[in-house]
Structures are given as C-alpha cells and as structure tokens.
Amino acid sequence: EEGGGEAGARRSVRSRLRVVLELGLPWKPVLGWVWGVTHECEAQPADGGGEVWRCVAHREAWEIDPAEGVAMVFRPGRGLPRGK
C-alpha cells in the first residue's frame, strides 16, 4: 500500500502489543490481551511546495473474545489468599 513521492500516495503502519493490567480490586485480577493499531497515512501537498504525510485513519483492534475479557475480572490474581 505504497505510492512514491506524489500527492495521494498512501502507507499503512501497523503495530501489535500485549496489554497487561492489574485491577485495583481486593482479589487483584490481571487482564491481558493483544491490542493492535493501524494508521493509514497519505502524502498531501504542503504549503510552500513539497509534500507532508498525514494520518487519515486510525483503527484499533483487540484480539480477545468479549466473554473471555469479562471472565478475567472474576479470576483471582495475587490479592486475597486462597482457602486451604
């Protein structure tokens, strides 16, 4: 998805990272999922000549089933001690 050196040329920048959060609840559940972001960039004419690249779209995606995300909240983490 590239064009070279002309107005209207487009490029995509994609990133993926693992997000891990510990919630501030007494049982301290840990939530984790993969988060992705795609930026669509486009070359546009700059004032005074030349070109400038601008982000024209920002898309986010989470690689987790919604039910699994909710279930993570109710799993014990490092908080309350477990019964013996």
N, C-alpha and C. Protein backbone atom coordinates (compact mmCIF):
# COMPACT_ATOMS: atom_id res chain seq x y z
N GLU A 1 0.83 -1.19 0.00
CA GLU A 1 0.00 0.00 0.00
C GLU A 1 0.87 1.25 0.00
N GLU A 2 1.73 1.34 -0.99
CA GLU A 2 2.62 2.49 -1.05
C GLU A 2 2.53 3.16 -2.39
N GLY A 3 2.78 4.42 -2.38
CA GLY A 3 2.97 5.17 -3.60
C GLY A 3 4.24 5.97 -3.36
N GLY A 4 4.89 6.38 -4.38
CA GLY A 4 6.16 7.03 -4.14
C GLY A 4 6.17 8.48 -4.55
N GLY A 5 6.37 9.37 -3.60
CA GLY A 5 6.67 10.75 -3.84
C GLY A 5 5.62 11.57 -4.57
N GLU A 6 4.37 11.20 -4.52
CA GLU A 6 3.36 12.01 -5.19
C GLU A 6 2.18 12.19 -4.26
N ALA A 7 1.49 13.31 -4.39
CA ALA A 7 0.31 13.56 -3.56
C ALA A 7 -0.68 12.42 -3.76
N GLY A 8 -1.27 11.97 -2.67
CA GLY A 8 -2.20 10.86 -2.74
C GLY A 8 -1.57 9.51 -2.47
N ALA A 9 -0.23 9.43 -2.39
CA ALA A 9 0.43 8.17 -2.05
C ALA A 9 0.02 7.78 -0.64
N ARG A 10 -0.15 6.47 -0.37
CA ARG A 10 -0.61 6.01 0.94
C ARG A 10 0.34 4.97 1.51
N ARG A 11 0.41 4.93 2.83
CA ARG A 11 1.17 3.92 3.55
C ARG A 11 0.38 3.52 4.80
N SER A 12 0.55 2.26 5.18
CA SER A 12 -0.07 1.76 6.41
C SER A 12 1.02 1.46 7.42
N VAL A 13 0.78 1.81 8.66
CA VAL A 13 1.69 1.49 9.75
C VAL A 13 0.88 0.67 10.75
N ARG A 14 1.32 -0.57 11.00
CA ARG A 14 0.59 -1.46 11.91
C ARG A 14 1.47 -1.80 13.11
N SER A 15 0.83 -1.86 14.27
CA SER A 15 1.54 -2.28 15.48
C SER A 15 0.65 -3.22 16.28
N ARG A 16 1.29 -4.13 17.00
CA ARG A 16 0.59 -5.05 17.92
C ARG A 16 1.38 -5.10 19.21
N LEU A 17 0.69 -5.06 20.34
CA LEU A 17 1.38 -5.21 21.61
C LEU A 17 0.48 -5.89 22.61
N ARG A 18 1.12 -6.46 23.61
CA ARG A 18 0.39 -7.17 24.66
C ARG A 18 0.11 -6.19 25.79
N VAL A 19 -1.14 -6.10 26.18
CA VAL A 19 -1.56 -5.23 27.27
C VAL A 19 -1.83 -6.12 28.48
N VAL A 20 -1.26 -5.76 29.63
CA VAL A 20 -1.50 -6.49 30.88
C VAL A 20 -1.80 -5.46 31.96
N LEU A 21 -2.97 -5.61 32.57
CA LEU A 21 -3.41 -4.68 33.62
C LEU A 21 -3.80 -5.44 34.87
N GLU A 22 -3.41 -4.92 36.02
CA GLU A 22 -3.87 -5.47 37.29
C GLU A 22 -4.90 -4.49 37.84
N LEU A 23 -6.13 -4.99 38.03
CA LEU A 23 -7.20 -4.12 38.54
C LEU A 23 -7.05 -3.91 40.04
N GLY A 24 -7.49 -2.75 40.51
CA GLY A 24 -7.38 -2.41 41.92
C GLY A 24 -8.53 -2.96 42.75
N LEU A 25 -8.88 -4.21 42.56
CA LEU A 25 -9.91 -4.89 43.35
C LEU A 25 -9.22 -5.75 44.40
N PRO A 26 -9.93 -6.12 45.47
CA PRO A 26 -9.27 -6.90 46.54
C PRO A 26 -8.59 -8.19 46.07
N TRP A 27 -9.13 -8.86 45.06
CA TRP A 27 -8.53 -10.10 44.59
C TRP A 27 -7.53 -9.87 43.45
N LYS A 28 -7.30 -8.61 43.09
CA LYS A 28 -6.31 -8.16 42.12
C LYS A 28 -6.29 -8.99 40.82
N PRO A 29 -7.42 -9.01 40.12
CA PRO A 29 -7.42 -9.76 38.86
C PRO A 29 -6.49 -9.12 37.84
N VAL A 30 -5.90 -9.96 37.00
CA VAL A 30 -5.00 -9.49 35.95
C VAL A 30 -5.68 -9.72 34.60
N LEU A 31 -5.78 -8.65 33.82
CA LEU A 31 -6.37 -8.72 32.49
C LEU A 31 -5.25 -8.63 31.47
N GLY A 32 -5.35 -9.40 30.41
CA GLY A 32 -4.32 -9.34 29.37
C GLY A 32 -4.90 -9.69 28.01
N TRP A 33 -4.49 -8.95 26.98
CA TRP A 33 -4.93 -9.20 25.62
C TRP A 33 -3.95 -8.56 24.65
N VAL A 34 -4.07 -8.92 23.38
CA VAL A 34 -3.26 -8.29 22.34
C VAL A 34 -4.08 -7.16 21.73
N TRP A 35 -3.43 -6.02 21.60
CA TRP A 35 -4.05 -4.81 21.07
C TRP A 35 -3.32 -4.39 19.82
N GLY A 36 -4.03 -4.11 18.77
CA GLY A 36 -3.41 -3.69 17.52
C GLY A 36 -3.92 -2.34 17.07
N VAL A 37 -3.06 -1.58 16.42
CA VAL A 37 -3.42 -0.28 15.88
C VAL A 37 -2.89 -0.20 14.45
N THR A 38 -3.73 0.29 13.54
CA THR A 38 -3.32 0.55 12.17
C THR A 38 -3.55 2.03 11.87
N HIS A 39 -2.50 2.68 11.39
CA HIS A 39 -2.61 4.07 10.94
C HIS A 39 -2.47 4.09 9.42
N GLU A 40 -3.39 4.72 8.75
CA GLU A 40 -3.32 4.93 7.31
C GLU A 40 -2.80 6.35 7.10
N CYS A 41 -1.71 6.47 6.38
CA CYS A 41 -1.09 7.78 6.14
C CYS A 41 -1.14 8.10 4.65
N GLU A 42 -1.21 9.38 4.37
CA GLU A 42 -1.33 9.82 2.98
C GLU A 42 -0.45 11.05 2.74
N ALA A 43 0.24 11.04 1.60
CA ALA A 43 1.05 12.21 1.22
C ALA A 43 0.10 13.28 0.68
N GLN A 44 0.26 14.50 1.19
CA GLN A 44 -0.57 15.62 0.76
C GLN A 44 0.33 16.80 0.44
N PRO A 45 -0.10 17.67 -0.46
CA PRO A 45 0.72 18.84 -0.80
C PRO A 45 0.92 19.73 0.43
N ALA A 46 2.14 20.19 0.61
CA ALA A 46 2.46 21.08 1.73
C ALA A 46 2.39 22.53 1.26
N ASP A 47 2.06 23.42 2.20
CA ASP A 47 2.11 24.84 1.88
C ASP A 47 3.55 25.19 1.51
N GLY A 48 3.73 25.90 0.45
CA GLY A 48 5.08 26.28 0.04
C GLY A 48 5.77 25.23 -0.81
N GLY A 49 5.05 24.22 -1.24
CA GLY A 49 5.65 23.19 -2.11
C GLY A 49 6.04 21.95 -1.34
N GLY A 50 6.35 20.91 -2.05
CA GLY A 50 6.72 19.64 -1.43
C GLY A 50 5.49 18.89 -0.96
N GLU A 51 5.70 17.96 -0.06
CA GLU A 51 4.59 17.17 0.47
C GLU A 51 4.77 16.94 1.95
N VAL A 52 3.67 16.62 2.60
CA VAL A 52 3.68 16.28 4.01
C VAL A 52 2.82 15.03 4.18
N TRP A 53 3.25 14.13 5.08
CA TRP A 53 2.48 12.91 5.34
C TRP A 53 1.55 13.15 6.52
N ARG A 54 0.29 12.78 6.34
CA ARG A 54 -0.71 12.96 7.40
C ARG A 54 -1.44 11.64 7.64
N CYS A 55 -1.79 11.42 8.91
CA CYS A 55 -2.59 10.26 9.27
C CYS A 55 -4.04 10.56 8.89
N VAL A 56 -4.63 9.71 8.06
CA VAL A 56 -6.00 9.93 7.61
C VAL A 56 -6.97 8.91 8.21
N ALA A 57 -6.44 7.88 8.89
CA ALA A 57 -7.30 6.88 9.54
C ALA A 57 -6.54 6.24 10.69
N HIS A 58 -7.26 5.93 11.76
CA HIS A 58 -6.71 5.28 12.95
C HIS A 58 -7.70 4.18 13.31
N ARG A 59 -7.25 2.91 13.25
CA ARG A 59 -8.12 1.79 13.58
C ARG A 59 -7.48 0.96 14.68
N GLU A 60 -8.29 0.61 15.69
CA GLU A 60 -7.82 -0.24 16.79
C GLU A 60 -8.55 -1.56 16.76
N ALA A 61 -7.87 -2.61 17.23
CA ALA A 61 -8.48 -3.94 17.30
C ALA A 61 -7.95 -4.65 18.54
N TRP A 62 -8.82 -5.40 19.19
CA TRP A 62 -8.44 -6.18 20.35
C TRP A 62 -8.63 -7.65 20.00
N GLU A 63 -7.61 -8.45 20.26
CA GLU A 63 -7.66 -9.87 19.93
C GLU A 63 -8.08 -10.67 21.15
N ILE A 64 -9.34 -10.48 21.53
CA ILE A 64 -9.88 -11.21 22.68
C ILE A 64 -11.39 -11.33 22.52
N ASP A 65 -11.91 -12.47 22.90
CA ASP A 65 -13.34 -12.68 22.90
C ASP A 65 -13.94 -11.87 24.05
N PRO A 66 -15.03 -11.13 23.84
CA PRO A 66 -15.61 -10.33 24.93
C PRO A 66 -15.93 -11.14 26.18
N ALA A 67 -16.43 -12.35 26.02
CA ALA A 67 -16.76 -13.18 27.19
C ALA A 67 -15.50 -13.52 27.99
N GLU A 68 -14.39 -13.77 27.30
CA GLU A 68 -13.12 -14.06 27.99
C GLU A 68 -12.64 -12.84 28.75
N GLY A 69 -12.82 -11.66 28.18
CA GLY A 69 -12.43 -10.43 28.87
C GLY A 69 -13.20 -10.24 30.17
N VAL A 70 -14.49 -10.50 30.14
CA VAL A 70 -15.31 -10.39 31.36
C VAL A 70 -14.89 -11.45 32.37
N ALA A 71 -14.63 -12.66 31.92
CA ALA A 71 -14.24 -13.75 32.83
C ALA A 71 -12.94 -13.42 33.56
N MET A 72 -12.02 -12.70 32.93
CA MET A 72 -10.75 -12.35 33.58
C MET A 72 -10.96 -11.53 34.85
N VAL A 73 -12.00 -10.73 34.88
CA VAL A 73 -12.26 -9.88 36.05
C VAL A 73 -12.56 -10.72 37.28
N PHE A 74 -13.12 -11.91 37.09
CA PHE A 74 -13.55 -12.72 38.22
C PHE A 74 -12.54 -13.81 38.60
N ARG A 75 -11.41 -13.87 37.93
CA ARG A 75 -10.36 -14.84 38.30
C ARG A 75 -9.46 -14.22 39.35
N PRO A 76 -9.15 -14.99 40.40
CA PRO A 76 -8.26 -14.44 41.42
C PRO A 76 -6.85 -14.19 40.88
N GLY A 77 -6.24 -13.11 41.33
CA GLY A 77 -4.88 -12.79 40.94
C GLY A 77 -3.97 -12.99 42.13
N ARG A 78 -3.29 -11.92 42.56
CA ARG A 78 -2.35 -12.02 43.69
C ARG A 78 -2.91 -11.36 44.94
N GLY A 79 -4.21 -11.18 45.01
CA GLY A 79 -4.81 -10.46 46.11
C GLY A 79 -5.20 -11.34 47.27
N LEU A 80 -6.47 -11.58 47.43
CA LEU A 80 -6.98 -12.34 48.57
C LEU A 80 -6.36 -13.75 48.62
N PRO A 81 -5.98 -14.18 49.81
CA PRO A 81 -5.42 -15.54 49.91
C PRO A 81 -6.48 -16.57 49.60
N ARG A 82 -6.05 -17.66 49.00
CA ARG A 82 -6.98 -18.76 48.67
C ARG A 82 -7.12 -19.67 49.88
N GLY A 83 -8.32 -20.22 50.05
CA GLY A 83 -8.58 -21.13 51.17
C GLY A 83 -7.78 -22.42 51.05
N LYS A 84 -7.45 -23.01 52.20
CA LYS A 84 -6.65 -24.25 52.18
C LYS A 84 -7.52 -25.46 52.16
